[in-house]
Amino acid sequence: MASALIRRLENSIRDFTDDLMAIIIPDHCIVCSRPLIKGERHICLHCLARLPRTDIHTADFSPLHQRLASTSVNIDRIASWFYYSNGSPYNAIITVAKYANRPSLSRIAGRTFAREILRSNFFKGIDMIQPVPLATIKRFKRGYNQSEQIAKGISSVTNIPVGNMLVARPHSTQTAKSAYGRFLNSLSVFSAKENAARIAAGRHILLVDDVLTTGATLLACAEALTSTVPDIKISVLTIGATRQI
């Protein structure tokens, strides 16, 4: 009970800080560059209404389930906010948050998406949110883990705690690699911490990342968890997803 109250307080303080910064430092929409008005954060309502949503959280089995198909891991549910496609101005929701020192954008994206699908019962029964980790050096250079910020945004809406059960070793970037190259690059990158078995046994874990392309990173994380905690249940949420690999 105490930990839940502390988590709600932390989420409230974080949300208040994000809203306060929007007042102190007026911003422009990262999608269309229009000046934002009161109540808008990073994305204007005009662009938010036209977001190319996937709506796959309502499907029992989607093309993204096929992309994450594995003999060793069964992904229960998948949610992804919008389609990430070449040349789309909406890609800025991912790229600006990741490379332009805008961690609050990831939190707002996670919070907004969670609010949109809250009534769908997508989060029902999920015990913990696990962001895809960054290697220590990469996190130090960037200053934050964008997936963790997304997870915090989701937590602020759902009150589901954010876990820290995975670690990542240094590896080359996935950005310019082929599907097979991403798969090879993800092998043995992620591992579960020693306390994972104690924390996650018999629980439903939501893996969170910024964008789903080939699925190699998310599958590697899922396999790292299931190899340590065989009775774990895993679902996936991302902000963006490509239509094809």
C-alpha atoms as a PDB file:
ATOM      1  CA  MET A   1       0.000   0.000   0.000  1.00  0.00           C
ATOM      2  CA  ALA A   2       2.781   2.422   0.947  1.00  0.00           C
ATOM      3  CA  SER A   3       4.674   1.747  -2.276  1.00  0.00           C
ATOM      4  CA  ALA A   4       1.505   2.383  -4.317  1.00  0.00           C
ATOM      5  CA  LEU A   5       0.956   5.706  -2.575  1.00  0.00           C
ATOM      6  CA  ILE A   6       4.565   6.720  -3.169  1.00  0.00           C
ATOM      7  CA  ARG A   7       4.244   5.738  -6.840  1.00  0.00           C
ATOM      8  CA  ARG A   8       1.093   7.859  -7.231  1.00  0.00           C
ATOM      9  CA  LEU A   9       2.837  10.801  -5.556  1.00  0.00           C
ATOM     10  CA  GLU A  10       5.874  10.461  -7.836  1.00  0.00           C
ATOM     11  CA  ASN A  11       3.630  10.284 -10.910  1.00  0.00           C
ATOM     12  CA  SER A  12       1.649  13.348  -9.778  1.00  0.00           C
ATOM     13  CA  ILE A  13       4.829  15.352  -9.215  1.00  0.00           C
ATOM     14  CA  ARG A  14       6.189  14.313 -12.615  1.00  0.00           C
ATOM     15  CA  ASP A  15       2.952  15.241 -14.387  1.00  0.00           C
ATOM     16  CA  PHE A  16       2.820  18.588 -12.580  1.00  0.00           C
ATOM     17  CA  THR A  17       6.429  19.332 -13.571  1.00  0.00           C
ATOM     18  CA  ASP A  18       5.716  18.509 -17.224  1.00  0.00           C
ATOM     19  CA  ASP A  19       2.655  20.778 -17.230  1.00  0.00           C
ATOM     20  CA  LEU A  20       4.534  23.588 -15.472  1.00  0.00           C
ATOM     21  CA  MET A  21       7.353  23.481 -18.023  1.00  0.00           C
ATOM     22  CA  ALA A  22       4.805  23.819 -20.815  1.00  0.00           C
ATOM     23  CA  ILE A  23       3.624  27.081 -19.235  1.00  0.00           C
ATOM     24  CA  ILE A  24       7.106  28.454 -18.548  1.00  0.00           C
ATOM     25  CA  ILE A  25       8.542  27.485 -21.928  1.00  0.00           C
ATOM     26  CA  PRO A  26       5.913  27.756 -24.719  1.00  0.00           C
ATOM     27  CA  ASP A  27       6.482  25.104 -27.348  1.00  0.00           C
ATOM     28  CA  HIS A  28       5.626  24.257 -30.937  1.00  0.00           C
ATOM     29  CA  CYS A  29       4.033  21.089 -32.263  1.00  0.00           C
ATOM     30  CA  ILE A  30       6.797  18.676 -33.222  1.00  0.00           C
ATOM     31  CA  VAL A  31       4.670  17.360 -36.087  1.00  0.00           C
ATOM     32  CA  CYS A  32       3.428  20.541 -37.822  1.00  0.00           C
ATOM     33  CA  SER A  33       5.408  23.300 -36.005  1.00  0.00           C
ATOM     34  CA  ARG A  34       2.273  25.239 -35.046  1.00  0.00           C
ATOM     35  CA  PRO A  35       2.480  27.109 -31.711  1.00  0.00           C
ATOM     36  CA  LEU A  36       0.890  25.025 -28.988  1.00  0.00           C
ATOM     37  CA  ILE A  37      -2.024  26.405 -27.015  1.00  0.00           C
ATOM     38  CA  LYS A  38      -2.959  25.878 -23.369  1.00  0.00           C
ATOM     39  CA  GLY A  39      -3.437  22.217 -22.583  1.00  0.00           C
ATOM     40  CA  GLU A  40      -1.347  20.922 -25.512  1.00  0.00           C
ATOM     41  CA  ARG A  41       1.964  19.207 -24.891  1.00  0.00           C
ATOM     42  CA  HIS A  42       4.470  18.626 -27.713  1.00  0.00           C
ATOM     43  CA  ILE A  43       1.700  17.646 -30.178  1.00  0.00           C
ATOM     44  CA  CYS A  44      -1.218  19.892 -31.142  1.00  0.00           C
ATOM     45  CA  LEU A  45      -4.771  18.570 -31.045  1.00  0.00           C
ATOM     46  CA  HIS A  46      -5.007  18.975 -34.837  1.00  0.00           C
ATOM     47  CA  CYS A  47      -2.139  16.513 -35.398  1.00  0.00           C
ATOM     48  CA  LEU A  48      -3.202  14.242 -32.558  1.00  0.00           C
ATOM     49  CA  ALA A  49      -6.613  13.793 -34.187  1.00  0.00           C
ATOM     50  CA  ARG A  50      -4.929  12.762 -37.461  1.00  0.00           C
ATOM     51  CA  LEU A  51      -2.380  10.417 -35.912  1.00  0.00           C
ATOM     52  CA  PRO A  52      -2.149   7.215 -38.036  1.00  0.00           C
ATOM     53  CA  ARG A  53      -3.264   4.946 -35.198  1.00  0.00           C
ATOM     54  CA  THR A  54      -2.829   1.190 -35.517  1.00  0.00           C
ATOM     55  CA  ASP A  55      -5.702   0.159 -33.189  1.00  0.00           C
ATOM     56  CA  ILE A  56      -4.132  -3.292 -32.937  1.00  0.00           C
ATOM     57  CA  HIS A  57      -4.692  -3.419 -29.173  1.00  0.00           C
ATOM     58  CA  THR A  58      -8.260  -4.477 -30.011  1.00  0.00           C
ATOM     59  CA  ALA A  59      -7.118  -7.512 -32.073  1.00  0.00           C
ATOM     60  CA  ASP A  60      -6.642 -10.981 -30.590  1.00  0.00           C
ATOM     61  CA  PHE A  61      -4.072 -11.702 -33.279  1.00  0.00           C
ATOM     62  CA  SER A  62      -2.462  -9.027 -35.440  1.00  0.00           C
ATOM     63  CA  PRO A  63       0.382  -8.780 -37.990  1.00  0.00           C
ATOM     64  CA  LEU A  64       2.577  -7.667 -35.091  1.00  0.00           C
ATOM     65  CA  HIS A  65       1.816 -10.933 -33.305  1.00  0.00           C
ATOM     66  CA  GLN A  66       3.127 -12.663 -36.414  1.00  0.00           C
ATOM     67  CA  ARG A  67       6.244 -10.501 -36.349  1.00  0.00           C
ATOM     68  CA  LEU A  68       6.888 -11.448 -32.723  1.00  0.00           C
ATOM     69  CA  ALA A  69       6.130 -15.134 -33.227  1.00  0.00           C
ATOM     70  CA  SER A  70       8.663 -17.384 -31.544  1.00  0.00           C
ATOM     71  CA  THR A  71       8.928 -21.006 -30.472  1.00  0.00           C
ATOM     72  CA  SER A  72      10.240 -19.963 -27.054  1.00  0.00           C
ATOM     73  CA  VAL A  73       8.044 -16.929 -26.263  1.00  0.00           C
ATOM     74  CA  ASN A  74       4.289 -16.416 -26.427  1.00  0.00           C
ATOM     75  CA  ILE A  75       3.280 -12.747 -26.594  1.00  0.00           C
ATOM     76  CA  ASP A  76      -0.175 -12.333 -25.070  1.00  0.00           C
ATOM     77  CA  ARG A  77      -1.232  -8.791 -26.083  1.00  0.00           C
ATOM     78  CA  ILE A  78       0.281  -6.130 -28.303  1.00  0.00           C
ATOM     79  CA  ALA A  79      -0.465  -2.416 -28.468  1.00  0.00           C
ATOM     80  CA  SER A  80       1.175   0.196 -30.663  1.00  0.00           C
ATOM     81  CA  TRP A  81       0.018   3.785 -30.910  1.00  0.00           C
ATOM     82  CA  PHE A  82       0.754   4.757 -34.523  1.00  0.00           C
ATOM     83  CA  TYR A  83       2.337   3.548 -37.746  1.00  0.00           C
ATOM     84  CA  TYR A  84       5.960   4.622 -38.150  1.00  0.00           C
ATOM     85  CA  SER A  85       6.622   5.042 -41.866  1.00  0.00           C
ATOM     86  CA  ASN A  86       9.291   6.639 -44.049  1.00  0.00           C
ATOM     87  CA  GLY A  87       8.807  10.371 -44.495  1.00  0.00           C
ATOM     88  CA  SER A  88       5.939  10.685 -42.038  1.00  0.00           C
ATOM     89  CA  PRO A  89       6.072  13.862 -39.909  1.00  0.00           C
ATOM     90  CA  TYR A  90       4.732  11.773 -37.018  1.00  0.00           C
ATOM     91  CA  ASN A  91       8.084  10.003 -36.826  1.00  0.00           C
ATOM     92  CA  ALA A  92       9.265  13.050 -34.875  1.00  0.00           C
ATOM     93  CA  ILE A  93       7.393  11.689 -31.848  1.00  0.00           C
ATOM     94  CA  ILE A  94      10.025   8.932 -31.796  1.00  0.00           C
ATOM     95  CA  THR A  95      13.123  10.661 -33.144  1.00  0.00           C
ATOM     96  CA  VAL A  96      12.855  13.940 -31.237  1.00  0.00           C
ATOM     97  CA  ALA A  97      12.225  12.133 -27.972  1.00  0.00           C
ATOM     98  CA  LYS A  98      15.159   9.844 -28.596  1.00  0.00           C
ATOM     99  CA  TYR A  99      17.824  12.138 -30.000  1.00  0.00           C
ATOM    100  CA  ALA A 100      16.921  15.733 -29.091  1.00  0.00           C
ATOM    101  CA  ASN A 101      17.062  15.559 -25.298  1.00  0.00           C
ATOM    102  CA  ARG A 102      13.279  15.627 -24.867  1.00  0.00           C
ATOM    103  CA  PRO A 103      12.517  12.886 -22.317  1.00  0.00           C
ATOM    104  CA  SER A 104       9.229  14.580 -21.410  1.00  0.00           C
ATOM    105  CA  LEU A 105       7.982  13.864 -24.950  1.00  0.00           C
ATOM    106  CA  SER A 106       8.330  10.128 -24.297  1.00  0.00           C
ATOM    107  CA  ARG A 107       6.461  10.476 -21.008  1.00  0.00           C
ATOM    108  CA  ILE A 108       3.657  12.457 -22.652  1.00  0.00           C
ATOM    109  CA  ALA A 109       3.414   9.915 -25.482  1.00  0.00           C
ATOM    110  CA  GLY A 110       3.185   7.042 -23.002  1.00  0.00           C
ATOM    111  CA  ARG A 111       0.638   8.892 -20.910  1.00  0.00           C
ATOM    112  CA  THR A 112      -1.527   9.908 -23.878  1.00  0.00           C
ATOM    113  CA  PHE A 113      -1.557   6.445 -25.435  1.00  0.00           C
ATOM    114  CA  ALA A 114      -2.340   4.798 -22.101  1.00  0.00           C
ATOM    115  CA  ARG A 115      -5.304   7.129 -21.604  1.00  0.00           C
ATOM    116  CA  GLU A 116      -6.612   6.306 -25.080  1.00  0.00           C
ATOM    117  CA  ILE A 117      -6.677   2.538 -24.527  1.00  0.00           C
ATOM    118  CA  LEU A 118      -7.392   2.435 -20.787  1.00  0.00           C
ATOM    119  CA  ARG A 119     -11.075   1.558 -21.246  1.00  0.00           C
ATOM    120  CA  SER A 120     -10.225  -1.285 -23.629  1.00  0.00           C
ATOM    121  CA  ASN A 121      -8.956  -3.334 -20.653  1.00  0.00           C
ATOM    122  CA  PHE A 122      -5.602  -3.778 -22.377  1.00  0.00           C
ATOM    123  CA  PHE A 123      -3.876  -3.198 -19.033  1.00  0.00           C
ATOM    124  CA  LYS A 124      -6.155  -5.533 -17.073  1.00  0.00           C
ATOM    125  CA  GLY A 125      -4.148  -8.098 -15.118  1.00  0.00           C
ATOM    126  CA  ILE A 126      -0.740  -6.611 -15.966  1.00  0.00           C
ATOM    127  CA  ASP A 127       1.435  -6.550 -12.848  1.00  0.00           C
ATOM    128  CA  MET A 128       4.520  -4.644 -13.938  1.00  0.00           C
ATOM    129  CA  ILE A 129       5.893  -2.509 -16.779  1.00  0.00           C
ATOM    130  CA  GLN A 130       9.396  -3.408 -17.973  1.00  0.00           C
ATOM    131  CA  PRO A 131      11.083  -0.934 -20.346  1.00  0.00           C
ATOM    132  CA  VAL A 132      13.647  -2.195 -22.834  1.00  0.00           C
ATOM    133  CA  PRO A 133      16.956  -1.247 -21.178  1.00  0.00           C
ATOM    134  CA  LEU A 134      19.865   0.731 -22.594  1.00  0.00           C
ATOM    135  CA  ALA A 135      23.494  -0.209 -22.097  1.00  0.00           C
ATOM    136  CA  THR A 136      25.079   1.912 -19.361  1.00  0.00           C
ATOM    137  CA  ILE A 137      27.342   3.840 -21.731  1.00  0.00           C
ATOM    138  CA  LYS A 138      24.522   4.670 -24.159  1.00  0.00           C
ATOM    139  CA  ARG A 139      22.253   5.773 -21.322  1.00  0.00           C
ATOM    140  CA  PHE A 140      25.003   7.980 -19.916  1.00  0.00           C
ATOM    141  CA  LYS A 141      25.573   9.650 -23.298  1.00  0.00           C
ATOM    142  CA  ARG A 142      21.849  10.209 -23.936  1.00  0.00           C
ATOM    143  CA  GLY A 143      21.066  11.120 -20.352  1.00  0.00           C
ATOM    144  CA  TYR A 144      17.952   8.939 -20.150  1.00  0.00           C
ATOM    145  CA  ASN A 145      16.291   5.824 -21.522  1.00  0.00           C
ATOM    146  CA  GLN A 146      13.367   6.841 -23.747  1.00  0.00           C
ATOM    147  CA  SER A 147      11.625   3.489 -23.187  1.00  0.00           C
ATOM    148  CA  GLU A 148      11.775   4.025 -19.432  1.00  0.00           C
ATOM    149  CA  GLN A 149      10.225   7.475 -19.884  1.00  0.00           C
ATOM    150  CA  ILE A 150       7.388   5.934 -21.922  1.00  0.00           C
ATOM    151  CA  ALA A 151       6.897   3.382 -19.146  1.00  0.00           C
ATOM    152  CA  LYS A 152       6.684   6.161 -16.546  1.00  0.00           C
ATOM    153  CA  GLY A 153       4.040   7.902 -18.633  1.00  0.00           C
ATOM    154  CA  ILE A 154       1.993   4.698 -18.784  1.00  0.00           C
ATOM    155  CA  SER A 155       2.440   4.176 -15.051  1.00  0.00           C
ATOM    156  CA  SER A 156       1.112   7.671 -14.322  1.00  0.00           C
ATOM    157  CA  VAL A 157      -2.208   6.634 -15.895  1.00  0.00           C
ATOM    158  CA  THR A 158      -2.450   2.984 -14.848  1.00  0.00           C
ATOM    159  CA  ASN A 159      -0.546   3.032 -11.518  1.00  0.00           C
ATOM    160  CA  ILE A 160       1.210  -0.148 -12.637  1.00  0.00           C
ATOM    161  CA  PRO A 161       4.766  -0.091 -11.220  1.00  0.00           C
ATOM    162  CA  VAL A 162       7.793   0.201 -13.507  1.00  0.00           C
ATOM    163  CA  GLY A 163      10.290  -2.637 -13.079  1.00  0.00           C
ATOM    164  CA  ASN A 164      14.029  -2.886 -13.593  1.00  0.00           C
ATOM    165  CA  MET A 165      14.667  -6.562 -14.250  1.00  0.00           C
ATOM    166  CA  LEU A 166      16.740  -6.409 -17.443  1.00  0.00           C
ATOM    167  CA  VAL A 167      20.245  -5.243 -18.304  1.00  0.00           C
ATOM    168  CA  ALA A 168      21.804  -4.604 -21.713  1.00  0.00           C
ATOM    169  CA  ARG A 169      25.408  -4.984 -22.718  1.00  0.00           C
ATOM    170  CA  PRO A 170      27.008  -2.520 -25.169  1.00  0.00           C
ATOM    171  CA  HIS A 171      26.117  -3.267 -28.794  1.00  0.00           C
ATOM    172  CA  SER A 172      26.041  -1.534 -32.143  1.00  0.00           C
ATOM    173  CA  THR A 173      22.984   0.480 -33.167  1.00  0.00           C
ATOM    174  CA  GLN A 174      20.051  -1.271 -34.836  1.00  0.00           C
ATOM    175  CA  THR A 175      19.011   1.693 -36.997  1.00  0.00           C
ATOM    176  CA  ALA A 176      20.683   0.876 -40.330  1.00  0.00           C
ATOM    177  CA  LYS A 177      20.628  -2.915 -40.075  1.00  0.00           C
ATOM    178  CA  SER A 178      18.532  -5.371 -42.071  1.00  0.00           C
ATOM    179  CA  ALA A 179      15.986  -7.595 -40.358  1.00  0.00           C
ATOM    180  CA  TYR A 180      18.510 -10.422 -40.116  1.00  0.00           C
ATOM    181  CA  GLY A 181      21.194  -8.010 -38.973  1.00  0.00           C
ATOM    182  CA  ARG A 182      18.940  -6.755 -36.180  1.00  0.00           C
ATOM    183  CA  PHE A 183      18.272 -10.323 -35.131  1.00  0.00           C
ATOM    184  CA  LEU A 184      21.988 -11.150 -34.952  1.00  0.00           C
ATOM    185  CA  ASN A 185      22.745  -7.890 -33.178  1.00  0.00           C
ATOM    186  CA  SER A 186      20.161  -8.628 -30.490  1.00  0.00           C
ATOM    187  CA  LEU A 187      21.446 -12.090 -29.629  1.00  0.00           C
ATOM    188  CA  SER A 188      22.829 -12.211 -26.080  1.00  0.00           C
ATOM    189  CA  VAL A 189      22.457  -8.432 -25.673  1.00  0.00           C
ATOM    190  CA  PHE A 190      19.882  -8.643 -22.891  1.00  0.00           C
ATOM    191  CA  SER A 191      19.862 -10.625 -19.684  1.00  0.00           C
ATOM    192  CA  ALA A 192      17.637 -10.822 -16.632  1.00  0.00           C
ATOM    193  CA  LYS A 193      18.883  -9.643 -13.262  1.00  0.00           C
ATOM    194  CA  GLU A 194      19.264 -12.073 -10.383  1.00  0.00           C
ATOM    195  CA  ASN A 195      16.125 -10.776  -8.679  1.00  0.00           C
ATOM    196  CA  ALA A 196      13.923 -11.276 -11.768  1.00  0.00           C
ATOM    197  CA  ALA A 197      12.797 -14.770 -10.750  1.00  0.00           C
ATOM    198  CA  ARG A 198      11.680 -13.523  -7.351  1.00  0.00           C
ATOM    199  CA  ILE A 199       9.932 -10.414  -8.670  1.00  0.00           C
ATOM    200  CA  ALA A 200       8.272 -11.739 -11.828  1.00  0.00           C
ATOM    201  CA  ALA A 201       7.371 -15.345 -11.030  1.00  0.00           C
ATOM    202  CA  GLY A 202       3.812 -16.013 -12.177  1.00  0.00           C
ATOM    203  CA  ARG A 203       3.267 -12.370 -13.128  1.00  0.00           C
ATOM    204  CA  HIS A 204       2.115 -10.571 -16.263  1.00  0.00           C
ATOM    205  CA  ILE A 205       4.827  -8.206 -17.526  1.00  0.00           C
ATOM    206  CA  LEU A 206       4.350  -5.451 -20.107  1.00  0.00           C
ATOM    207  CA  LEU A 207       7.476  -4.929 -22.222  1.00  0.00           C
ATOM    208  CA  VAL A 208       7.722  -1.340 -23.456  1.00  0.00           C
ATOM    209  CA  ASP A 209       9.821   0.156 -26.267  1.00  0.00           C
ATOM    210  CA  ASP A 210       9.605   3.232 -28.483  1.00  0.00           C
ATOM    211  CA  VAL A 211       9.207   1.548 -31.869  1.00  0.00           C
ATOM    212  CA  LEU A 212       8.631  -1.981 -33.176  1.00  0.00           C
ATOM    213  CA  THR A 213      10.335  -2.762 -36.478  1.00  0.00           C
ATOM    214  CA  THR A 214      11.556  -6.349 -36.882  1.00  0.00           C
ATOM    215  CA  GLY A 215      10.734  -7.218 -33.291  1.00  0.00           C
ATOM    216  CA  ALA A 216      14.239  -8.546 -32.662  1.00  0.00           C
ATOM    217  CA  THR A 217      14.893  -6.339 -29.632  1.00  0.00           C
ATOM    218  CA  LEU A 218      11.560  -7.074 -27.955  1.00  0.00           C
ATOM    219  CA  LEU A 219      11.889 -10.801 -28.603  1.00  0.00           C
ATOM    220  CA  ALA A 220      15.414 -10.807 -27.158  1.00  0.00           C
ATOM    221  CA  CYS A 221      14.108  -9.098 -24.015  1.00  0.00           C
ATOM    222  CA  ALA A 222      11.157 -11.491 -23.768  1.00  0.00           C
ATOM    223  CA  GLU A 223      13.431 -14.506 -24.174  1.00  0.00           C
ATOM    224  CA  ALA A 224      15.819 -13.181 -21.509  1.00  0.00           C
ATOM    225  CA  LEU A 225      12.903 -12.963 -19.072  1.00  0.00           C
ATOM    226  CA  THR A 226      11.289 -16.301 -19.922  1.00  0.00           C
ATOM    227  CA  SER A 227      14.598 -18.157 -19.716  1.00  0.00           C
ATOM    228  CA  THR A 228      14.894 -16.960 -16.109  1.00  0.00           C
ATOM    229  CA  VAL A 229      11.187 -16.952 -15.209  1.00  0.00           C
ATOM    230  CA  PRO A 230       9.483 -19.769 -17.184  1.00  0.00           C
ATOM    231  CA  ASP A 231       5.991 -19.082 -15.810  1.00  0.00           C
ATOM    232  CA  ILE A 232       6.013 -15.402 -16.748  1.00  0.00           C
ATOM    233  CA  LYS A 233       3.335 -13.891 -19.008  1.00  0.00           C
ATOM    234  CA  ILE A 234       4.430 -11.180 -21.442  1.00  0.00           C
ATOM    235  CA  SER A 235       2.635  -8.470 -23.413  1.00  0.00           C
ATOM    236  CA  VAL A 236       4.148  -5.691 -25.515  1.00  0.00           C
ATOM    237  CA  LEU A 237       3.463  -1.985 -25.969  1.00  0.00           C
ATOM    238  CA  THR A 238       5.281   0.430 -28.273  1.00  0.00           C
ATOM    239  CA  ILE A 239       4.631   3.994 -29.367  1.00  0.00           C
ATOM    240  CA  GLY A 240       5.397   3.345 -33.053  1.00  0.00           C
ATOM    241  CA  ALA A 241       5.361   0.304 -35.318  1.00  0.00           C
ATOM    242  CA  THR A 242       6.329  -0.131 -38.942  1.00  0.00           C
ATOM    243  CA  ARG A 243       3.712  -1.633 -41.236  1.00  0.00           C
ATOM    244  CA  GLN A 244       6.271  -4.010 -42.700  1.00  0.00           C
ATOM    245  CA  ILE A 245       9.745  -5.207 -41.761  1.00  0.00           C
END
